[in-house]
Amino acid sequence: PLDVAKTRLQAQAAGVVYNPIWSDFRCYPWCNPGGLKLSGLGPSCSPECFQYRGTMDVFSKIARQEGIFRLWRGTAASLALAVPTVGIYLPSYDLLRNWIEEYSDHSYPKLRPYAPLIAGSIARSLACITCSPIELARTRMQAFKQSSGGAKPPGMWKTMLGVLSSRQSISHPENLQTTRGYHLLWTGMGAQLARDVPFSAICWMVLEPTRRHLLGLLAGEQSNAAVIMGANFSAGFIAGVISSGATCPLDVAKTRRQIEKDPARVLSMNTRRILLEVWRNEGINGLFRGAGPRMARAGPSVGIVVSSYEVVKHIMHRKHAEL
């Protein structure tokens, strides 16, 4: 739900209209200040009823207007994204960090403090490039409103097929060939890399020293699964909040790129241009739109992922040592 709220707030600022004209969006009695009464129908909401004013307002209005289960829109895509992303990202990070630390110990000691930054950036790039189509589908599924009484909304695969079948408008037939093909599934990948690589670099640079400090305080020379879980969750939570807040403008740019449905405009958009446009039109508030739910989600998310991964590693190492 926090991810849905963040995406809706960013999409609304980008111009996605949440003021529907379909009859199944009817106003509740307590939600009709100045609304219209249509013939044979209940009162129609005023435009203000479809403007999101904050995270809790998004939760309330989605639950009322679309059904409470819409708050989990895109969860299937999130799960489909999490498995390959974590499966590529964390083992790649471990391998790269260990290799860089070994290399720096033998050849270039000054490089060692930057091992988490370099390893995290490369590992995240590999994961992003591999999983970008699923991220695109998830963002589109979360951004656009569905009526509570209408047809079943498209799932992850239909959303991805919809991207592939997108067509240029008749007024621009000369660009028709350039707007087709599988490359459209990687729409916004540049913006995603521009967000996730700095996020990962900041996250690991904060997480590694925090984790070492906490493990030293809690365990000394001895460590067990509970200590590893607690230290890694705490370090991951702190790192996730800091890195997600710092990279929120890049997340705004990624969302705007991936929700854009005009293929011609997609091809002309880039992260720098989007950030400048947001800065001119909305100022600093626009650049940090959705920062609250993004940080509230990233803290526990990073903490859970890192602590779970490290506990599994700890258990597997113990089992291997006993053999």
Protein backbone atom coordinates (compact mmCIF):
# COMPACT_ATOMS: atom_id res chain seq x y z
CA PRO A 1 0.00 0.00 0.00
CA LEU A 2 2.82 2.47 0.71
CA ASP A 3 4.23 1.86 -2.76
CA VAL A 4 0.79 2.41 -4.33
CA ALA A 5 0.38 5.67 -2.37
CA LYS A 6 3.81 6.90 -3.44
CA THR A 7 3.12 6.11 -7.11
CA ARG A 8 -0.35 7.72 -7.06
CA LEU A 9 0.97 10.95 -5.53
CA GLN A 10 3.76 11.13 -8.11
CA ALA A 11 1.45 10.24 -11.01
CA GLN A 12 -1.11 12.87 -9.96
CA ALA A 13 1.62 15.52 -9.94
CA ALA A 14 2.62 14.33 -13.43
CA GLY A 15 -0.90 15.02 -14.73
CA VAL A 16 -2.68 11.67 -14.41
CA VAL A 17 -6.34 12.63 -13.87
CA TYR A 18 -8.13 10.94 -10.98
CA ASN A 19 -11.54 12.58 -11.64
CA PRO A 20 -13.56 9.83 -13.33
CA ILE A 21 -16.76 10.23 -15.35
CA TRP A 22 -17.95 6.64 -15.03
CA SER A 23 -21.18 5.97 -13.20
CA ASP A 24 -19.73 3.45 -10.76
CA PHE A 25 -17.74 6.16 -9.02
CA ARG A 26 -20.47 7.58 -6.80
CA CYS A 27 -20.00 9.91 -3.90
CA TYR A 28 -20.61 8.92 -0.31
CA PRO A 29 -22.88 11.24 1.75
CA TRP A 30 -19.93 12.58 3.77
CA CYS A 31 -17.91 13.19 0.59
CA ASN A 32 -20.10 15.55 -1.45
CA PRO A 33 -19.28 19.16 -0.64
CA GLY A 34 -20.60 20.96 -3.68
CA GLY A 35 -21.04 17.79 -5.71
CA LEU A 36 -23.69 17.35 -8.39
CA LYS A 37 -26.77 15.19 -8.29
CA LEU A 38 -27.26 13.31 -11.55
CA SER A 39 -30.65 12.19 -12.75
CA GLY A 40 -31.44 8.69 -11.50
CA LEU A 41 -28.08 8.39 -9.78
CA GLY A 42 -26.58 9.21 -6.43
CA PRO A 43 -24.65 12.39 -5.84
CA SER A 44 -21.54 12.81 -7.96
CA CYS A 45 -18.30 13.75 -6.26
CA SER A 46 -16.85 17.20 -6.66
CA PRO A 47 -13.37 17.31 -8.28
CA GLU A 48 -11.76 17.73 -4.85
CA CYS A 49 -12.89 14.22 -3.92
CA PHE A 50 -10.44 12.79 -6.46
CA GLN A 51 -7.41 14.87 -5.51
CA TYR A 52 -4.92 13.13 -3.25
CA ARG A 53 -3.57 15.36 -0.49
CA GLY A 54 -1.26 12.96 1.31
CA THR A 55 -0.51 9.32 2.08
CA MET A 56 -3.48 8.70 4.40
CA ASP A 57 -5.78 10.52 1.96
CA VAL A 58 -4.66 8.14 -0.80
CA PHE A 59 -5.43 5.13 1.41
CA SER A 60 -8.87 6.49 2.31
CA LYS A 61 -9.94 7.45 -1.21
CA ILE A 62 -8.68 4.30 -2.91
CA ALA A 63 -10.47 2.13 -0.35
CA ARG A 64 -13.73 4.12 -0.76
CA GLN A 65 -13.73 4.65 -4.51
CA GLU A 66 -12.02 1.53 -5.85
CA GLY A 67 -12.16 -1.03 -3.07
CA ILE A 68 -9.67 -1.77 -0.31
CA PHE A 69 -7.89 -4.49 -2.31
CA ARG A 70 -6.70 -1.86 -4.82
CA LEU A 71 -4.21 -0.82 -2.14
CA TRP A 72 -2.37 -4.04 -3.00
CA ARG A 73 -2.45 -3.32 -6.74
CA GLY A 74 0.76 -4.54 -8.36
CA THR A 75 1.63 -6.95 -5.53
CA ALA A 76 1.97 -9.87 -7.96
CA ALA A 77 4.39 -7.81 -10.03
CA SER A 78 6.23 -6.76 -6.86
CA LEU A 79 6.69 -10.40 -5.84
CA ALA A 80 7.71 -11.36 -9.38
CA LEU A 81 10.20 -8.50 -9.25
CA ALA A 82 11.55 -9.25 -5.77
CA VAL A 83 12.65 -12.83 -6.40
CA PRO A 84 14.98 -12.26 -9.40
CA THR A 85 16.07 -8.83 -8.15
CA VAL A 86 17.20 -10.09 -4.73
CA GLY A 87 18.52 -13.31 -6.28
CA ILE A 88 20.79 -11.31 -8.59
CA TYR A 89 21.48 -8.28 -6.41
CA LEU A 90 22.61 -9.57 -3.00
CA PRO A 91 24.81 -12.50 -4.12
CA SER A 92 26.39 -10.28 -6.79
CA TYR A 93 27.05 -7.62 -4.16
CA ASP A 94 28.69 -10.13 -1.82
CA LEU A 95 30.92 -11.58 -4.54
CA LEU A 96 31.95 -8.19 -5.92
CA ARG A 97 32.60 -6.67 -2.48
CA ASN A 98 34.75 -9.63 -1.42
CA TRP A 99 36.71 -9.49 -4.67
CA ILE A 100 37.29 -5.72 -4.41
CA GLU A 101 38.36 -6.01 -0.76
CA GLU A 102 40.81 -8.81 -1.59
CA TYR A 103 42.20 -6.83 -4.51
CA SER A 104 42.56 -3.68 -2.42
CA ASP A 105 44.33 -5.55 0.40
CA HIS A 106 46.97 -6.81 -2.04
CA SER A 107 47.27 -3.98 -4.54
CA TYR A 108 45.46 -0.75 -3.63
CA PRO A 109 44.55 -0.29 0.07
CA LYS A 110 42.90 3.09 -0.53
CA LEU A 111 40.16 1.36 -2.53
CA ARG A 112 38.86 -0.75 0.37
CA PRO A 113 36.54 1.87 1.97
CA TYR A 114 34.77 2.26 -1.38
CA ALA A 115 34.18 -1.47 -1.91
CA PRO A 116 30.51 -1.32 -0.76
CA LEU A 117 29.81 1.67 -3.02
CA ILE A 118 31.34 0.08 -6.14
CA ALA A 119 29.96 -3.41 -5.52
CA GLY A 120 26.48 -2.10 -4.70
CA SER A 121 26.35 0.07 -7.82
CA ILE A 122 27.42 -2.72 -10.19
CA ALA A 123 25.18 -5.35 -8.59
CA ARG A 124 22.17 -3.03 -8.66
CA SER A 125 22.79 -2.20 -12.31
CA LEU A 126 22.74 -5.91 -13.22
CA ALA A 127 19.50 -6.45 -11.31
CA CYS A 128 17.81 -3.35 -12.80
CA ILE A 129 18.67 -4.21 -16.40
CA THR A 130 17.42 -7.78 -15.97
CA CYS A 131 14.16 -6.91 -14.20
CA SER A 132 13.24 -3.56 -15.79
CA PRO A 133 10.18 -4.89 -17.74
CA ILE A 134 8.56 -6.13 -14.51
CA GLU A 135 9.26 -2.79 -12.81
CA LEU A 136 7.61 -1.00 -15.75
CA ALA A 137 4.50 -3.20 -15.47
CA ARG A 138 4.26 -2.67 -11.71
CA THR A 139 4.51 1.11 -11.98
CA ARG A 140 1.76 1.27 -14.62
CA MET A 141 -0.49 -1.07 -12.67
CA GLN A 142 -0.20 1.10 -9.56
CA ALA A 143 -0.46 4.49 -11.26
CA PHE A 144 -3.79 4.25 -13.03
CA LYS A 145 -7.18 4.16 -11.38
CA GLN A 146 -9.65 1.31 -11.85
CA SER A 147 -13.34 1.52 -11.09
CA SER A 148 -14.62 -0.72 -8.32
CA GLY A 149 -17.48 -2.06 -10.41
CA GLY A 150 -15.80 -2.22 -13.79
CA ALA A 151 -13.98 -4.94 -15.66
CA LYS A 152 -11.10 -6.74 -14.02
CA PRO A 153 -7.96 -4.61 -14.45
CA PRO A 154 -5.10 -6.04 -16.53
CA GLY A 155 -2.49 -8.02 -14.67
CA MET A 156 1.27 -7.98 -15.06
CA TRP A 157 1.47 -9.92 -18.33
CA LYS A 158 -1.39 -8.01 -19.97
CA THR A 159 0.19 -4.74 -18.90
CA MET A 160 3.48 -5.77 -20.51
CA LEU A 161 1.70 -6.88 -23.69
CA GLY A 162 -0.12 -3.53 -23.71
CA VAL A 163 3.25 -1.78 -23.75
CA LEU A 164 4.38 -3.91 -26.70
CA SER A 165 1.19 -3.24 -28.66
CA SER A 166 1.32 0.54 -28.17
CA ARG A 167 0.97 2.50 -31.39
CA GLN A 168 1.98 5.93 -32.42
CA SER A 169 -0.84 8.35 -33.18
CA ILE A 170 -2.01 8.62 -36.78
CA SER A 171 -0.64 12.15 -36.91
CA HIS A 172 2.91 10.77 -36.57
CA PRO A 173 2.99 7.72 -38.88
CA GLU A 174 6.65 8.27 -39.72
CA ASN A 175 7.61 7.19 -36.18
CA LEU A 176 5.49 4.04 -36.21
CA GLN A 177 8.37 1.59 -36.58
CA THR A 178 10.45 3.20 -33.84
CA THR A 179 7.67 2.81 -31.28
CA ARG A 180 7.31 -0.95 -31.62
CA GLY A 181 9.47 -3.76 -30.42
CA TYR A 182 10.66 -5.29 -27.25
CA HIS A 183 12.83 -2.31 -26.40
CA LEU A 184 9.67 -0.58 -25.14
CA LEU A 185 9.65 -3.01 -22.20
CA TRP A 186 12.79 -1.24 -21.02
CA THR A 187 11.10 2.17 -21.08
CA GLY A 188 12.41 4.25 -18.23
CA MET A 189 15.36 1.95 -17.56
CA GLY A 190 17.75 4.91 -17.71
CA ALA A 191 15.68 6.74 -15.10
CA GLN A 192 15.49 3.57 -13.02
CA LEU A 193 19.28 3.14 -13.13
CA ALA A 194 19.69 6.83 -12.29
CA ARG A 195 17.55 6.21 -9.19
CA ASP A 196 18.65 2.74 -8.09
CA VAL A 197 22.42 2.98 -8.57
CA PRO A 198 22.79 6.06 -6.29
CA PHE A 199 20.25 4.50 -3.91
CA SER A 200 22.33 1.34 -3.70
CA ALA A 201 25.62 3.22 -3.37
CA ILE A 202 24.31 5.37 -0.50
CA CYS A 203 22.54 2.42 1.11
CA TRP A 204 25.61 0.19 1.33
CA MET A 205 27.93 3.01 2.37
CA VAL A 206 25.60 3.65 5.33
CA LEU A 207 24.68 0.03 6.02
CA GLU A 208 28.12 -1.59 6.19
CA PRO A 209 29.69 0.60 8.93
CA THR A 210 26.40 0.72 10.85
CA ARG A 211 26.13 -3.06 10.73
CA ARG A 212 29.73 -3.57 11.85
CA HIS A 213 29.23 -1.16 14.74
CA LEU A 214 26.00 -2.83 15.88
CA LEU A 215 27.43 -6.34 15.59
CA GLY A 216 30.42 -5.22 17.66
CA LEU A 217 28.15 -3.80 20.35
CA LEU A 218 25.71 -6.72 20.45
CA ALA A 219 27.88 -9.75 19.85
CA GLY A 220 31.57 -9.07 20.20
CA GLU A 221 33.26 -12.24 18.98
CA GLN A 222 30.13 -14.37 19.34
CA SER A 223 27.08 -14.04 17.12
CA ASN A 224 23.85 -15.97 16.72
CA ALA A 225 20.85 -15.71 14.42
CA ALA A 226 18.97 -13.31 16.71
CA VAL A 227 21.90 -10.89 16.98
CA ILE A 228 22.52 -11.04 13.22
CA MET A 229 18.82 -10.43 12.55
CA GLY A 230 18.64 -7.45 14.91
CA ALA A 231 21.86 -5.78 13.78
CA ASN A 232 21.13 -6.20 10.08
CA PHE A 233 17.51 -5.10 10.35
CA SER A 234 18.47 -1.96 12.28
CA ALA A 235 21.31 -1.10 9.89
CA GLY A 236 19.11 -1.82 6.87
CA PHE A 237 16.27 0.30 8.24
CA ILE A 238 18.54 3.30 8.80
CA ALA A 239 20.25 2.91 5.42
CA GLY A 240 16.92 2.45 3.59
CA VAL A 241 15.38 5.60 5.05
CA ILE A 242 18.44 7.76 4.30
CA SER A 243 19.03 6.47 0.76
CA SER A 244 15.35 6.56 -0.26
CA GLY A 245 14.97 10.13 0.96
CA ALA A 246 18.13 11.26 -0.81
CA THR A 247 17.10 9.71 -4.14
CA CYS A 248 13.40 10.66 -4.12
CA PRO A 249 13.76 13.18 -7.02
CA LEU A 250 15.17 10.39 -9.18
CA ASP A 251 12.19 8.21 -8.24
CA VAL A 252 9.83 11.00 -9.35
CA ALA A 253 11.62 11.08 -12.72
CA LYS A 254 11.39 7.29 -13.09
CA THR A 255 7.66 7.25 -12.33
CA ARG A 256 6.93 10.02 -14.84
CA ARG A 257 8.88 8.24 -17.53
CA GLN A 258 7.21 4.88 -16.99
CA ILE A 259 3.60 6.11 -16.76
CA GLU A 260 3.88 8.10 -20.00
CA LYS A 261 1.67 6.38 -22.60
CA ASP A 262 2.65 8.40 -25.68
CA PRO A 263 5.52 6.45 -27.31
CA ALA A 264 6.82 9.54 -29.12
CA ARG A 265 7.06 11.50 -25.87
CA VAL A 266 8.70 8.53 -24.13
CA LEU A 267 11.52 8.56 -26.67
CA SER A 268 12.16 12.27 -26.08
CA MET A 269 12.18 12.12 -22.26
CA ASN A 270 15.28 11.81 -20.11
CA THR A 271 15.95 12.09 -16.39
CA ARG A 272 17.64 15.49 -16.54
CA ARG A 273 14.85 17.04 -18.61
CA ILE A 274 12.14 15.64 -16.33
CA LEU A 275 13.87 16.91 -13.18
CA LEU A 276 14.27 20.40 -14.66
CA GLU A 277 10.61 20.43 -15.72
CA VAL A 278 9.45 19.37 -12.24
CA TRP A 279 11.72 21.97 -10.61
CA ARG A 280 10.36 24.78 -12.82
CA ASN A 281 6.70 23.83 -12.40
CA GLU A 282 6.50 22.56 -8.82
CA GLY A 283 9.71 23.51 -7.04
CA ILE A 284 11.34 21.46 -4.31
CA ASN A 285 8.00 19.96 -3.21
CA GLY A 286 7.53 18.41 -6.64
CA LEU A 287 10.97 16.80 -6.56
CA PHE A 288 10.19 15.15 -3.22
CA ARG A 289 6.59 14.17 -4.04
CA GLY A 290 5.81 10.86 -2.36
CA ALA A 291 8.94 10.98 -0.16
CA GLY A 292 6.97 10.08 2.99
CA PRO A 293 5.52 6.75 1.81
CA ARG A 294 8.73 5.97 -0.10
CA MET A 295 10.87 6.31 3.04
CA ALA A 296 8.27 4.54 5.19
CA ARG A 297 8.39 1.61 2.78
CA ALA A 298 12.15 1.54 2.10
CA GLY A 299 13.27 1.43 5.75
CA PRO A 300 11.55 -1.80 6.78
CA SER A 301 11.89 -3.25 3.27
CA VAL A 302 15.70 -2.97 3.22
CA GLY A 303 15.86 -4.10 6.84
CA ILE A 304 13.78 -7.22 6.21
CA VAL A 305 15.60 -8.20 3.01
CA VAL A 306 19.13 -7.74 4.35
CA SER A 307 18.46 -9.34 7.75
CA SER A 308 16.67 -12.34 6.21
CA TYR A 309 19.47 -12.83 3.69
CA GLU A 310 22.20 -12.63 6.34
CA VAL A 311 20.38 -15.01 8.71
CA VAL A 312 19.96 -17.58 5.92
CA LYS A 313 23.68 -17.23 5.11
CA HIS A 314 24.55 -17.69 8.80
CA ILE A 315 22.42 -20.86 9.07
CA MET A 316 23.84 -22.30 5.83
CA HIS A 317 27.42 -21.63 6.96
CA ARG A 318 26.75 -23.40 10.26
CA LYS A 319 25.20 -26.39 8.50
CA HIS A 320 28.14 -26.54 6.10
CA ALA A 321 30.64 -26.37 8.98
CA GLU A 322 28.91 -29.29 10.71
CA LEU A 323 29.25 -31.57 7.68
